[in-house]
PDB file of all heavy atoms in Angstrom:
ATOM      1  N   VAL A   1       0.833  -1.181  -0.029  1.00  0.00           N
ATOM      2  CA  VAL A   1       0.004  -0.002  -0.026  1.00  0.00           C
ATOM      3  C   VAL A   1       0.897   1.269  -0.025  1.00  0.00           C
ATOM      4  O   VAL A   1       2.058   1.197   0.340  1.00  0.00           O
ATOM      5  CB  VAL A   1      -0.963   0.030   1.222  1.00  0.00           C
ATOM      6  CG1 VAL A   1      -1.849  -1.199   1.318  1.00  0.00           C
ATOM      7  CG2 VAL A   1      -0.207   0.241   2.497  1.00  0.00           C
ATOM      8  N   ASN A   2       0.253   2.340  -0.372  1.00  0.00           N
ATOM      9  CA  ASN A   2       0.837   3.668  -0.201  1.00  0.00           C
ATOM     10  C   ASN A   2       0.187   4.330   0.989  1.00  0.00           C
ATOM     11  O   ASN A   2      -0.968   4.734   0.946  1.00  0.00           O
ATOM     12  CB  ASN A   2       0.630   4.573  -1.466  1.00  0.00           C
ATOM     13  CG  ASN A   2       1.092   5.985  -1.288  1.00  0.00           C
ATOM     14  OD1 ASN A   2       1.701   6.299  -0.276  1.00  0.00           O
ATOM     15  ND2 ASN A   2       0.792   6.819  -2.279  1.00  0.00           N
ATOM     16  N   PRO A   3       0.923   4.435   2.112  1.00  0.00           N
ATOM     17  CA  PRO A   3       0.278   4.930   3.361  1.00  0.00           C
ATOM     18  C   PRO A   3      -0.175   6.388   3.223  1.00  0.00           C
ATOM     19  O   PRO A   3      -0.987   6.863   4.010  1.00  0.00           O
ATOM     20  CB  PRO A   3       1.377   4.825   4.392  1.00  0.00           C
ATOM     21  CG  PRO A   3       2.669   4.736   3.615  1.00  0.00           C
ATOM     22  CD  PRO A   3       2.346   4.078   2.344  1.00  0.00           C
ATOM     23  N   SER A   4       0.349   7.107   2.232  1.00  0.00           N
ATOM     24  CA  SER A   4      -0.090   8.479   1.985  1.00  0.00           C
ATOM     25  C   SER A   4      -1.107   8.655   0.872  1.00  0.00           C
ATOM     26  O   SER A   4      -1.305   9.752   0.327  1.00  0.00           O
ATOM     27  CB  SER A   4       1.162   9.331   1.713  1.00  0.00           C
ATOM     28  OG  SER A   4       2.096   9.274   2.754  1.00  0.00           O
ATOM     29  N   ALA A   5      -1.673   7.528   0.422  1.00  0.00           N
ATOM     30  CA  ALA A   5      -2.614   7.587  -0.687  1.00  0.00           C
ATOM     31  C   ALA A   5      -3.737   8.580  -0.409  1.00  0.00           C
ATOM     32  O   ALA A   5      -4.357   8.515   0.691  1.00  0.00           O
ATOM     33  CB  ALA A   5      -3.184   6.195  -0.961  1.00  0.00           C
ATOM     34  N   PRO A   6      -4.048   9.489  -1.330  1.00  0.00           N
ATOM     35  CA  PRO A   6      -5.192  10.392  -1.130  1.00  0.00           C
ATOM     36  C   PRO A   6      -6.525   9.715  -1.192  1.00  0.00           C
ATOM     37  O   PRO A   6      -6.698   8.631  -1.802  1.00  0.00           O
ATOM     38  CB  PRO A   6      -5.019  11.427  -2.223  1.00  0.00           C
ATOM     39  CG  PRO A   6      -4.343  10.647  -3.324  1.00  0.00           C
ATOM     40  CD  PRO A   6      -3.467   9.657  -2.645  1.00  0.00           C
ATOM     41  N   LYS A   7      -7.551  10.311  -0.652  1.00  0.00           N
ATOM     42  CA  LYS A   7      -8.913   9.775  -0.703  1.00  0.00           C
ATOM     43  C   LYS A   7      -9.723  10.645  -1.700  1.00  0.00           C
ATOM     44  O   LYS A   7      -9.491  11.885  -1.846  1.00  0.00           O
ATOM     45  CB  LYS A   7      -9.596   9.899   0.689  1.00  0.00           C
ATOM     46  CG  LYS A   7      -8.824   9.298   1.792  1.00  0.00           C
ATOM     47  CD  LYS A   7      -8.647   7.775   1.681  1.00  0.00           C
ATOM     48  CE  LYS A   7      -7.976   7.187   2.938  1.00  0.00           C
ATOM     49  NZ  LYS A   7      -7.701   5.773   2.793  1.00  0.00           N
ATOM     50  N   GLY A   8     -10.663  10.014  -2.378  1.00  0.00           N
ATOM     51  CA  GLY A   8     -11.535  10.740  -3.278  1.00  0.00           C
ATOM     52  C   GLY A   8     -11.909   9.930  -4.506  1.00  0.00           C
ATOM     53  O   GLY A   8     -11.373   8.794  -4.741  1.00  0.00           O
ATOM     54  N   GLY A   9     -12.750  10.514  -5.366  1.00  0.00           N
ATOM     55  CA  GLY A   9     -13.046   9.867  -6.668  1.00  0.00           C
ATOM     56  C   GLY A   9     -13.953   8.637  -6.577  1.00  0.00           C
ATOM     57  O   GLY A   9     -14.367   8.246  -5.461  1.00  0.00           O
ATOM     58  N   THR A  10     -14.306   8.114  -7.739  1.00  0.00           N
ATOM     59  CA  THR A  10     -15.180   7.012  -7.831  1.00  0.00           C
ATOM     60  C   THR A  10     -14.584   5.880  -8.658  1.00  0.00           C
ATOM     61  O   THR A  10     -14.058   6.137  -9.754  1.00  0.00           O
ATOM     62  CB  THR A  10     -16.518   7.415  -8.475  1.00  0.00           C
ATOM     63  OG1 THR A  10     -17.163   8.397  -7.698  1.00  0.00           O
ATOM     64  CG2 THR A  10     -17.460   6.220  -8.679  1.00  0.00           C
ATOM     65  N   LEU A  11     -14.626   4.729  -8.134  1.00  0.00           N
ATOM     66  CA  LEU A  11     -14.169   3.470  -8.878  1.00  0.00           C
ATOM     67  C   LEU A  11     -15.441   2.805  -9.333  1.00  0.00           C
ATOM     68  O   LEU A  11     -16.296   2.448  -8.564  1.00  0.00           O
ATOM     69  CB  LEU A  11     -13.376   2.550  -7.980  1.00  0.00           C
ATOM     70  CG  LEU A  11     -13.024   1.213  -8.547  1.00  0.00           C
ATOM     71  CD1 LEU A  11     -12.046   1.331  -9.677  1.00  0.00           C
ATOM     72  CD2 LEU A  11     -12.427   0.292  -7.433  1.00  0.00           C
ATOM     73  N   VAL A  12     -15.504   2.601 -10.711  1.00  0.00           N
ATOM     74  CA  VAL A  12     -16.676   1.970 -11.300  1.00  0.00           C
ATOM     75  C   VAL A  12     -16.224   0.637 -11.904  1.00  0.00           C
ATOM     76  O   VAL A  12     -15.298   0.642 -12.744  1.00  0.00           O
ATOM     77  CB  VAL A  12     -17.316   2.839 -12.328  1.00  0.00           C
ATOM     78  CG1 VAL A  12     -18.645   2.224 -12.805  1.00  0.00           C
ATOM     79  CG2 VAL A  12     -17.606   4.219 -11.800  1.00  0.00           C
ATOM     80  N   MET A  13     -16.881  -0.425 -11.526  1.00  0.00           N
ATOM     81  CA  MET A  13     -16.461  -1.752 -11.909  1.00  0.00           C
ATOM     82  C   MET A  13     -17.679  -2.564 -12.393  1.00  0.00           C
ATOM     83  O   MET A  13     -18.818  -2.228 -12.073  1.00  0.00           O
ATOM     84  CB  MET A  13     -15.743  -2.521 -10.828  1.00  0.00           C
ATOM     85  CG  MET A  13     -14.537  -1.828 -10.268  1.00  0.00           C
ATOM     86  SD  MET A  13     -13.681  -2.924  -9.045  1.00  0.00           S
ATOM     87  CE  MET A  13     -14.885  -2.985  -7.737  1.00  0.00           C
ATOM     88  N   GLU A  14     -17.424  -3.678 -13.084  1.00  0.00           N
ATOM     89  CA  GLU A  14     -18.420  -4.685 -13.296  1.00  0.00           C
ATOM     90  C   GLU A  14     -18.502  -5.571 -12.076  1.00  0.00           C
ATOM     91  O   GLU A  14     -17.542  -5.728 -11.346  1.00  0.00           O
ATOM     92  CB  GLU A  14     -18.078  -5.536 -14.494  1.00  0.00           C
ATOM     93  CG  GLU A  14     -17.977  -4.767 -15.816  1.00  0.00           C
ATOM     94  CD  GLU A  14     -17.084  -5.469 -16.801  1.00  0.00           C
ATOM     95  OE1 GLU A  14     -17.596  -6.411 -17.476  1.00  0.00           O
ATOM     96  OE2 GLU A  14     -15.857  -5.149 -16.930  1.00  0.00           O
ATOM     97  N   PRO A  15     -19.658  -6.240 -11.826  1.00  0.00           N
ATOM     98  CA  PRO A  15     -19.694  -7.231 -10.759  1.00  0.00           C
ATOM     99  C   PRO A  15     -18.680  -8.319 -10.998  1.00  0.00           C
ATOM    100  O   PRO A  15     -18.521  -8.687 -12.128  1.00  0.00           O
ATOM    101  CB  PRO A  15     -21.159  -7.694 -10.863  1.00  0.00           C
ATOM    102  CG  PRO A  15     -21.911  -6.657 -11.547  1.00  0.00           C
ATOM    103  CD  PRO A  15     -20.973  -6.044 -12.492  1.00  0.00           C
ATOM    104  N   PRO A  16     -18.019  -8.784  -9.977  1.00  0.00           N
ATOM    105  CA  PRO A  16     -17.089  -9.876 -10.191  1.00  0.00           C
ATOM    106  C   PRO A  16     -17.777 -11.100 -10.595  1.00  0.00           C
ATOM    107  O   PRO A  16     -18.986 -11.281 -10.365  1.00  0.00           O
ATOM    108  CB  PRO A  16     -16.416 -10.046  -8.757  1.00  0.00           C
ATOM    109  CG  PRO A  16     -17.466  -9.480  -7.841  1.00  0.00           C
ATOM    110  CD  PRO A  16     -18.167  -8.367  -8.549  1.00  0.00           C
ATOM    111  N   PRO A  17     -17.038 -12.037 -11.282  1.00  0.00           N
ATOM    112  CA  PRO A  17     -17.659 -13.265 -11.748  1.00  0.00           C
ATOM    113  C   PRO A  17     -18.226 -14.114 -10.554  1.00  0.00           C
ATOM    114  O   PRO A  17     -17.729 -13.984  -9.455  1.00  0.00           O
ATOM    115  CB  PRO A  17     -16.528 -14.067 -12.414  1.00  0.00           C
ATOM    116  CG  PRO A  17     -15.543 -12.987 -12.750  1.00  0.00           C
ATOM    117  CD  PRO A  17     -15.663 -11.968 -11.669  1.00  0.00           C
ATOM    118  N   PRO A  18     -19.304 -14.894 -10.746  1.00  0.00           N
ATOM    119  CA  PRO A  18     -19.967 -15.133 -12.038  1.00  0.00           C
ATOM    120  C   PRO A  18     -20.779 -13.911 -12.380  1.00  0.00           C
ATOM    121  O   PRO A  18     -21.466 -13.327 -11.552  1.00  0.00           O
ATOM    122  CB  PRO A  18     -20.852 -16.355 -11.786  1.00  0.00           C
ATOM    123  CG  PRO A  18     -21.078 -16.318 -10.276  1.00  0.00           C
ATOM    124  CD  PRO A  18     -19.871 -15.729  -9.663  1.00  0.00           C
ATOM    125  N   GLU A  19     -20.847 -13.568 -13.669  1.00  0.00           N
ATOM    126  CA  GLU A  19     -21.519 -12.390 -14.109  1.00  0.00           C
ATOM    127  C   GLU A  19     -23.021 -12.469 -13.877  1.00  0.00           C
ATOM    128  O   GLU A  19     -23.620 -13.521 -14.067  1.00  0.00           O
ATOM    129  CB  GLU A  19     -21.259 -12.173 -15.638  1.00  0.00           C
ATOM    130  CG  GLU A  19     -19.813 -12.077 -16.055  1.00  0.00           C
ATOM    131  CD  GLU A  19     -19.232 -13.432 -16.328  1.00  0.00           C
ATOM    132  OE1 GLU A  19     -19.798 -14.432 -16.017  1.00  0.00           O
ATOM    133  OE2 GLU A  19     -18.086 -13.419 -16.903  1.00  0.00           O
ATOM    134  N   LYS A  20     -23.571 -11.373 -13.427  1.00  0.00           N
ATOM    135  CA  LYS A  20     -24.999 -11.304 -13.180  1.00  0.00           C
ATOM    136  C   LYS A  20     -25.547 -10.045 -13.842  1.00  0.00           C
ATOM    137  O   LYS A  20     -24.810  -9.092 -13.997  1.00  0.00           O
ATOM    138  CB  LYS A  20     -25.400 -11.278 -11.696  1.00  0.00           C
ATOM    139  CG  LYS A  20     -24.874 -12.484 -10.949  1.00  0.00           C
ATOM    140  CD  LYS A  20     -25.117 -12.262  -9.428  1.00  0.00           C
ATOM    141  CE  LYS A  20     -24.577 -13.444  -8.611  1.00  0.00           C
ATOM    142  NZ  LYS A  20     -24.727 -13.213  -7.121  1.00  0.00           N
ATOM    143  N   ASN A  21     -26.849 -10.066 -14.217  1.00  0.00           N
ATOM    144  CA  ASN A  21     -27.393  -8.849 -14.856  1.00  0.00           C
ATOM    145  C   ASN A  21     -28.304  -8.141 -13.911  1.00  0.00           C
ATOM    146  O   ASN A  21     -28.893  -7.116 -14.289  1.00  0.00           O
ATOM    147  CB  ASN A  21     -28.085  -9.168 -16.146  1.00  0.00           C
ATOM    148  CG  ASN A  21     -29.128 -10.291 -16.014  1.00  0.00           C
ATOM    149  OD1 ASN A  21     -29.622 -10.493 -14.929  1.00  0.00           O
ATOM    150  ND2 ASN A  21     -29.382 -10.972 -17.123  1.00  0.00           N
ATOM    151  N   SER A  22     -28.455  -8.593 -12.690  1.00  0.00           N
ATOM    152  CA  SER A  22     -29.258  -7.948 -11.662  1.00  0.00           C
ATOM    153  C   SER A  22     -29.079  -8.571 -10.335  1.00  0.00           C
ATOM    154  O   SER A  22     -28.251  -9.456 -10.171  1.00  0.00           O
ATOM    155  CB  SER A  22     -30.765  -8.003 -12.054  1.00  0.00           C
ATOM    156  OG  SER A  22     -31.518  -7.097 -11.226  1.00  0.00           O
ATOM    157  N   TYR A  23     -29.844  -8.060  -9.355  1.00  0.00           N
ATOM    158  CA  TYR A  23     -29.825  -8.597  -7.983  1.00  0.00           C
ATOM    159  C   TYR A  23     -31.146  -8.350  -7.351  1.00  0.00           C
ATOM    160  O   TYR A  23     -31.897  -7.411  -7.778  1.00  0.00           O
ATOM    161  CB  TYR A  23     -28.681  -8.017  -7.179  1.00  0.00           C
ATOM    162  CG  TYR A  23     -28.692  -6.555  -7.024  1.00  0.00           C
ATOM    163  CD1 TYR A  23     -29.373  -5.889  -5.988  1.00  0.00           C
ATOM    164  CD2 TYR A  23     -28.046  -5.692  -7.987  1.00  0.00           C
ATOM    165  CE1 TYR A  23     -29.391  -4.495  -5.909  1.00  0.00           C
ATOM    166  CE2 TYR A  23     -28.078  -4.330  -7.885  1.00  0.00           C
ATOM    167  CZ  TYR A  23     -28.780  -3.734  -6.833  1.00  0.00           C
ATOM    168  OH  TYR A  23     -28.820  -2.394  -6.716  1.00  0.00           O
ATOM    169  N   ASP A  24     -31.487  -9.066  -6.286  1.00  0.00           N
ATOM    170  CA  ASP A  24     -32.747  -8.850  -5.567  1.00  0.00           C
ATOM    171  C   ASP A  24     -32.589  -8.867  -4.090  1.00  0.00           C
ATOM    172  O   ASP A  24     -33.514  -8.957  -3.317  1.00  0.00           O
ATOM    173  CB  ASP A  24     -33.815  -9.804  -6.036  1.00  0.00           C
ATOM    174  CG  ASP A  24     -33.412 -11.271  -5.756  1.00  0.00           C
ATOM    175  OD1 ASP A  24     -32.487 -11.492  -4.976  1.00  0.00           O
ATOM    176  OD2 ASP A  24     -33.964 -12.175  -6.401  1.00  0.00           O
TER     177      ASP A  24
END
């Protein structure tokens, strides 16, 4: 890790496998 890593922003990802197209 970088102990001085700044905070902020948005990480946008796909759901991890197994792939799903929704959730309930």
